[in-house]
């Protein structure tokens, strides 16, 4: 990281998969928040149940 008075204006790199996994783990351990991507759920019935619950609570996802 560059150390200067302009360093705060540099773009921040997006989190990679390892960083995201670390953040998910920390959220679970510290706050009891469970974060999972639907694609990670192997059981079709359970995946759809999770999607239905998230849609009911937060609304429909926009198409990527």
N, C-alpha and C. Protein backbone atom coordinates (compact mmCIF):
# COMPACT_ATOMS: atom_id res chain seq x y z
N UNK A 1 0.83 -1.18 0.00
CA UNK A 1 0.00 0.00 0.00
C UNK A 1 0.87 1.24 0.00
N UNK A 2 0.48 2.20 -0.78
CA UNK A 2 1.22 3.45 -0.89
C UNK A 2 0.90 4.32 0.30
N UNK A 3 1.96 4.92 0.89
CA UNK A 3 1.75 5.81 2.03
C UNK A 3 1.91 7.25 1.56
N UNK A 4 0.81 7.93 1.43
CA UNK A 4 0.82 9.35 1.10
C UNK A 4 -0.54 9.93 1.47
N UNK A 5 -0.63 11.25 1.37
CA UNK A 5 -1.90 11.88 1.69
C UNK A 5 -2.98 11.55 0.65
N UNK A 6 -2.58 11.04 -0.51
CA UNK A 6 -3.52 10.69 -1.56
C UNK A 6 -3.91 9.21 -1.53
N UNK A 7 -3.34 8.42 -0.63
CA UNK A 7 -3.59 6.98 -0.58
C UNK A 7 -5.07 6.66 -0.36
N UNK A 8 -5.76 7.51 0.36
CA UNK A 8 -7.18 7.24 0.62
C UNK A 8 -8.04 7.32 -0.64
N UNK A 9 -7.50 7.90 -1.70
CA UNK A 9 -8.23 8.02 -2.96
C UNK A 9 -7.97 6.86 -3.92
N UNK A 10 -7.09 5.95 -3.54
CA UNK A 10 -6.82 4.80 -4.38
C UNK A 10 -8.00 3.84 -4.32
N UNK A 11 -8.29 3.14 -5.42
CA UNK A 11 -9.40 2.19 -5.39
C UNK A 11 -9.10 1.02 -4.46
N UNK A 12 -10.14 0.50 -3.84
CA UNK A 12 -10.01 -0.64 -2.95
C UNK A 12 -10.27 -1.90 -3.78
N UNK A 13 -9.38 -2.87 -3.64
CA UNK A 13 -9.55 -4.12 -4.38
C UNK A 13 -10.72 -4.92 -3.80
N UNK A 14 -11.54 -5.52 -4.65
CA UNK A 14 -12.66 -6.32 -4.14
C UNK A 14 -12.15 -7.56 -3.41
N UNK A 15 -12.96 -8.04 -2.49
CA UNK A 15 -12.59 -9.23 -1.72
C UNK A 15 -12.58 -10.45 -2.63
N UNK A 16 -11.61 -11.33 -2.42
CA UNK A 16 -11.57 -12.58 -3.18
C UNK A 16 -12.33 -13.66 -2.41
N UNK A 17 -12.38 -14.86 -2.97
CA UNK A 17 -13.15 -15.94 -2.34
C UNK A 17 -12.66 -16.28 -0.95
N UNK A 18 -11.36 -16.22 -0.74
CA UNK A 18 -10.79 -16.51 0.58
C UNK A 18 -11.23 -15.46 1.60
N UNK A 19 -11.17 -14.20 1.20
CA UNK A 19 -11.61 -13.12 2.10
C UNK A 19 -13.09 -13.25 2.43
N UNK A 20 -13.91 -13.58 1.43
CA UNK A 20 -15.34 -13.73 1.66
C UNK A 20 -15.63 -14.89 2.61
N UNK A 21 -14.90 -15.99 2.46
CA UNK A 21 -15.08 -17.13 3.36
C UNK A 21 -14.70 -16.74 4.79
N UNK A 22 -13.64 -15.98 4.93
CA UNK A 22 -13.22 -15.50 6.25
C UNK A 22 -14.29 -14.60 6.88
N UNK A 23 -14.89 -13.73 6.06
CA UNK A 23 -15.94 -12.84 6.56
C UNK A 23 -17.18 -13.63 6.97
N UNK A 24 -17.53 -14.68 6.18
CA UNK A 24 -18.69 -15.52 6.54
C UNK A 24 -18.46 -16.21 7.87
N UNK A 25 -17.26 -16.74 8.05
CA UNK A 25 -16.94 -17.43 9.30
C UNK A 25 -17.00 -16.48 10.49
N UNK A 26 -16.44 -15.29 10.32
CA UNK A 26 -16.45 -14.29 11.40
C UNK A 26 -17.88 -13.87 11.73
N UNK A 27 -18.73 -13.71 10.72
CA UNK A 27 -20.12 -13.33 10.97
C UNK A 27 -20.83 -14.40 11.78
N UNK A 28 -20.56 -15.66 11.46
CA UNK A 28 -21.18 -16.76 12.20
C UNK A 28 -20.70 -16.80 13.64
N UNK A 29 -19.39 -16.72 13.83
CA UNK A 29 -18.83 -16.85 15.17
C UNK A 29 -19.16 -15.66 16.06
N UNK A 30 -19.16 -14.47 15.51
CA UNK A 30 -19.36 -13.27 16.32
C UNK A 30 -20.82 -12.90 16.50
N UNK A 31 -21.63 -13.08 15.45
CA UNK A 31 -22.98 -12.56 15.50
C UNK A 31 -24.07 -13.60 15.25
N UNK A 32 -23.67 -14.85 14.97
CA UNK A 32 -24.65 -15.88 14.71
C UNK A 32 -25.34 -15.73 13.37
N UNK A 33 -24.70 -15.01 12.45
CA UNK A 33 -25.26 -14.80 11.11
C UNK A 33 -24.70 -15.87 10.19
N UNK A 34 -25.59 -16.59 9.53
CA UNK A 34 -25.20 -17.67 8.62
C UNK A 34 -25.32 -17.19 7.19
N UNK A 35 -24.23 -17.22 6.44
CA UNK A 35 -24.22 -16.77 5.05
C UNK A 35 -23.83 -17.94 4.17
N UNK A 36 -24.69 -18.24 3.21
CA UNK A 36 -24.40 -19.34 2.28
C UNK A 36 -24.94 -18.96 0.91
N UNK A 37 -24.19 -19.27 -0.11
CA UNK A 37 -24.66 -19.06 -1.47
C UNK A 37 -25.55 -20.23 -1.86
N UNK A 38 -26.68 -19.98 -2.50
CA UNK A 38 -27.57 -21.09 -2.87
C UNK A 38 -26.87 -22.17 -3.69
N UNK A 39 -25.92 -21.77 -4.50
CA UNK A 39 -25.20 -22.75 -5.34
C UNK A 39 -24.37 -23.73 -4.51
N UNK A 40 -24.09 -23.39 -3.26
CA UNK A 40 -23.30 -24.26 -2.39
C UNK A 40 -24.15 -25.35 -1.73
N UNK A 41 -25.47 -25.26 -1.82
CA UNK A 41 -26.36 -26.23 -1.20
C UNK A 41 -26.64 -27.34 -2.20
N UNK A 42 -26.21 -28.55 -1.88
CA UNK A 42 -26.32 -29.68 -2.80
C UNK A 42 -27.74 -30.24 -2.90
N UNK A 43 -28.47 -30.23 -1.80
CA UNK A 43 -29.82 -30.78 -1.77
C UNK A 43 -30.79 -29.81 -2.45
N UNK A 44 -31.45 -30.27 -3.52
CA UNK A 44 -32.35 -29.41 -4.29
C UNK A 44 -33.50 -28.85 -3.45
N UNK A 45 -34.11 -29.69 -2.63
CA UNK A 45 -35.25 -29.27 -1.81
C UNK A 45 -34.82 -28.21 -0.81
N UNK A 46 -33.70 -28.44 -0.13
CA UNK A 46 -33.21 -27.49 0.86
C UNK A 46 -32.81 -26.17 0.20
N UNK A 47 -32.14 -26.24 -0.96
CA UNK A 47 -31.75 -25.03 -1.69
C UNK A 47 -32.98 -24.19 -2.02
N UNK A 48 -34.05 -24.83 -2.53
CA UNK A 48 -35.25 -24.09 -2.88
C UNK A 48 -35.92 -23.51 -1.65
N UNK A 49 -35.90 -24.24 -0.54
CA UNK A 49 -36.47 -23.72 0.71
C UNK A 49 -35.72 -22.47 1.18
N UNK A 50 -34.41 -22.49 1.08
CA UNK A 50 -33.60 -21.33 1.47
C UNK A 50 -33.90 -20.14 0.55
N UNK A 51 -33.98 -20.40 -0.75
CA UNK A 51 -34.29 -19.34 -1.71
C UNK A 51 -35.67 -18.75 -1.43
N UNK A 52 -36.65 -19.61 -1.15
CA UNK A 52 -38.00 -19.14 -0.85
C UNK A 52 -38.02 -18.27 0.41
N UNK A 53 -37.31 -18.68 1.44
CA UNK A 53 -37.26 -17.91 2.67
C UNK A 53 -36.60 -16.55 2.43
N UNK A 54 -35.48 -16.54 1.74
CA UNK A 54 -34.79 -15.28 1.47
C UNK A 54 -35.65 -14.35 0.62
N UNK A 55 -36.36 -14.90 -0.34
CA UNK A 55 -37.25 -14.09 -1.18
C UNK A 55 -38.39 -13.50 -0.35
N UNK A 56 -38.93 -14.30 0.55
CA UNK A 56 -40.02 -13.81 1.40
C UNK A 56 -39.53 -12.70 2.32
N UNK A 57 -38.32 -12.85 2.87
CA UNK A 57 -37.80 -11.87 3.82
C UNK A 57 -37.27 -10.60 3.15
N UNK A 58 -36.59 -10.78 2.01
CA UNK A 58 -35.84 -9.67 1.42
C UNK A 58 -36.27 -9.26 0.02
N UNK A 59 -37.15 -10.01 -0.60
CA UNK A 59 -37.59 -9.70 -1.95
C UNK A 59 -36.83 -10.50 -2.99
N UNK A 60 -37.30 -10.41 -4.23
CA UNK A 60 -36.68 -11.17 -5.33
C UNK A 60 -35.32 -10.59 -5.71
N UNK A 61 -34.44 -11.48 -6.12
CA UNK A 61 -33.13 -11.06 -6.63
C UNK A 61 -33.29 -10.57 -8.06
N UNK A 62 -32.47 -9.60 -8.43
CA UNK A 62 -32.48 -9.16 -9.81
C UNK A 62 -31.63 -10.12 -10.63
N UNK A 63 -31.96 -10.25 -11.90
CA UNK A 63 -31.20 -11.16 -12.78
C UNK A 63 -29.78 -10.63 -12.95
N UNK A 64 -28.78 -11.54 -12.88
CA UNK A 64 -27.37 -11.09 -12.99
C UNK A 64 -27.04 -10.54 -14.35
